[in-house]
């Protein structure tokens, strides 16, 4: 079942809600500047980064862009500061700091 979740909102009738309220589409974080919610900010230590890209697929908001097989700086306009990337980095190249 494919549902256009961009058409579901707080005033949608119950008939339009997906069964079990399941999500069948991609998130919408790119549509909004959700980075302002952040209370912690990821910081990359380029000296420690080996470009293994293990941080990229775990980011729930796709805030670690990759170009030419190399990670670029964080997309802080959309990063919510969850810290998953820092936990996934086996080299300690990502740390979290307080604030935006």
Protein backbone atom coordinates (compact mmCIF):
# COMPACT_ATOMS: atom_id res chain seq x y z
CA UNK A 1 0.00 0.00 0.00
CA UNK A 2 1.43 3.37 -0.98
CA UNK A 3 0.12 6.49 0.67
CA UNK A 4 1.14 10.05 -0.04
CA UNK A 5 1.90 11.08 3.54
CA UNK A 6 2.24 14.72 2.51
CA UNK A 7 -1.57 14.76 2.23
CA UNK A 8 -2.10 13.48 5.79
CA UNK A 9 -2.26 16.18 8.45
CA UNK A 10 -3.96 16.97 11.75
CA UNK A 11 -7.32 17.68 10.07
CA UNK A 12 -7.39 14.52 7.96
CA UNK A 13 -10.47 12.35 8.52
CA UNK A 14 -9.81 8.99 10.13
CA UNK A 15 -10.61 7.26 6.81
CA UNK A 16 -7.49 8.80 5.28
CA UNK A 17 -5.13 7.63 8.03
CA UNK A 18 -3.06 4.59 7.15
CA UNK A 19 -3.95 1.26 8.83
CA UNK A 20 -2.21 1.09 12.17
CA UNK A 21 -1.02 4.66 11.53
CA UNK A 22 1.98 3.15 9.71
CA UNK A 23 4.29 5.33 7.65
CA UNK A 24 4.59 4.30 4.01
CA UNK A 25 6.64 7.22 2.75
CA UNK A 26 9.84 9.05 3.47
CA UNK A 27 10.16 11.54 6.28
CA UNK A 28 9.51 15.20 5.72
CA UNK A 29 12.46 16.73 7.57
CA UNK A 30 13.85 18.15 4.33
CA UNK A 31 10.66 20.20 3.98
CA UNK A 32 11.30 22.02 7.27
CA UNK A 33 14.30 23.57 9.01
CA UNK A 34 14.19 21.11 11.90
CA UNK A 35 17.74 21.92 13.02
CA UNK A 36 16.42 24.65 15.28
CA UNK A 37 15.14 21.90 17.63
CA UNK A 38 18.67 20.73 18.26
CA UNK A 39 20.11 20.94 21.79
CA UNK A 40 23.36 19.17 20.88
CA UNK A 41 25.46 19.61 17.76
CA UNK A 42 27.67 16.99 16.07
CA UNK A 43 31.27 18.08 15.50
CA UNK A 44 33.56 16.28 13.06
CA UNK A 45 37.26 15.83 13.85
CA UNK A 46 38.66 15.58 10.31
CA UNK A 47 41.99 14.25 11.63
CA UNK A 48 40.27 11.14 13.05
CA UNK A 49 37.80 10.65 10.17
CA UNK A 50 38.80 7.79 7.84
CA UNK A 51 35.91 8.39 5.41
CA UNK A 52 34.50 4.94 6.21
CA UNK A 53 30.99 6.42 5.80
CA UNK A 54 29.54 4.28 8.61
CA UNK A 55 27.89 7.41 10.02
CA UNK A 56 25.95 8.23 6.86
CA UNK A 57 23.34 5.44 6.71
CA UNK A 58 22.48 5.68 10.42
CA UNK A 59 21.49 9.35 10.32
CA UNK A 60 17.68 9.35 10.55
CA UNK A 61 17.44 12.71 8.77
CA UNK A 62 20.09 12.21 6.06
CA UNK A 63 22.16 15.10 7.42
CA UNK A 64 25.54 13.69 6.40
CA UNK A 65 25.88 14.32 2.67
CA UNK A 66 28.32 12.28 0.60
CA UNK A 67 29.92 13.49 -2.62
CA UNK A 68 32.45 11.51 -4.64
CA UNK A 69 32.56 8.82 -1.93
CA UNK A 70 33.60 11.35 0.75
CA UNK A 71 31.40 12.65 3.53
CA UNK A 72 30.84 16.37 3.62
CA UNK A 73 30.06 18.58 6.60
CA UNK A 74 26.81 18.10 8.52
CA UNK A 75 23.59 19.62 7.22
CA UNK A 76 22.86 21.48 10.46
CA UNK A 77 19.67 23.05 9.10
CA UNK A 78 18.04 19.63 9.39
CA UNK A 79 20.14 17.83 12.04
CA UNK A 80 18.25 17.29 15.30
CA UNK A 81 21.38 16.40 17.28
CA UNK A 82 20.36 12.86 18.17
CA UNK A 83 24.00 11.67 18.40
CA UNK A 84 23.47 8.40 16.53
CA UNK A 85 26.30 9.30 14.14
CA UNK A 86 28.70 9.84 17.05
CA UNK A 87 27.82 6.44 18.53
CA UNK A 88 28.23 4.74 15.14
CA UNK A 89 31.70 6.18 14.45
CA UNK A 90 34.27 3.52 15.44
CA UNK A 91 37.11 6.07 15.24
CA UNK A 92 35.71 8.72 17.60
CA UNK A 93 35.72 11.30 14.82
CA UNK A 94 32.30 12.67 15.76
CA UNK A 95 31.58 14.24 19.13
CA UNK A 96 28.53 16.04 20.44
CA UNK A 97 28.70 19.52 21.96
CA UNK A 98 26.01 21.35 23.91
CA UNK A 99 23.99 23.96 22.04
CA UNK A 100 23.51 24.83 18.43
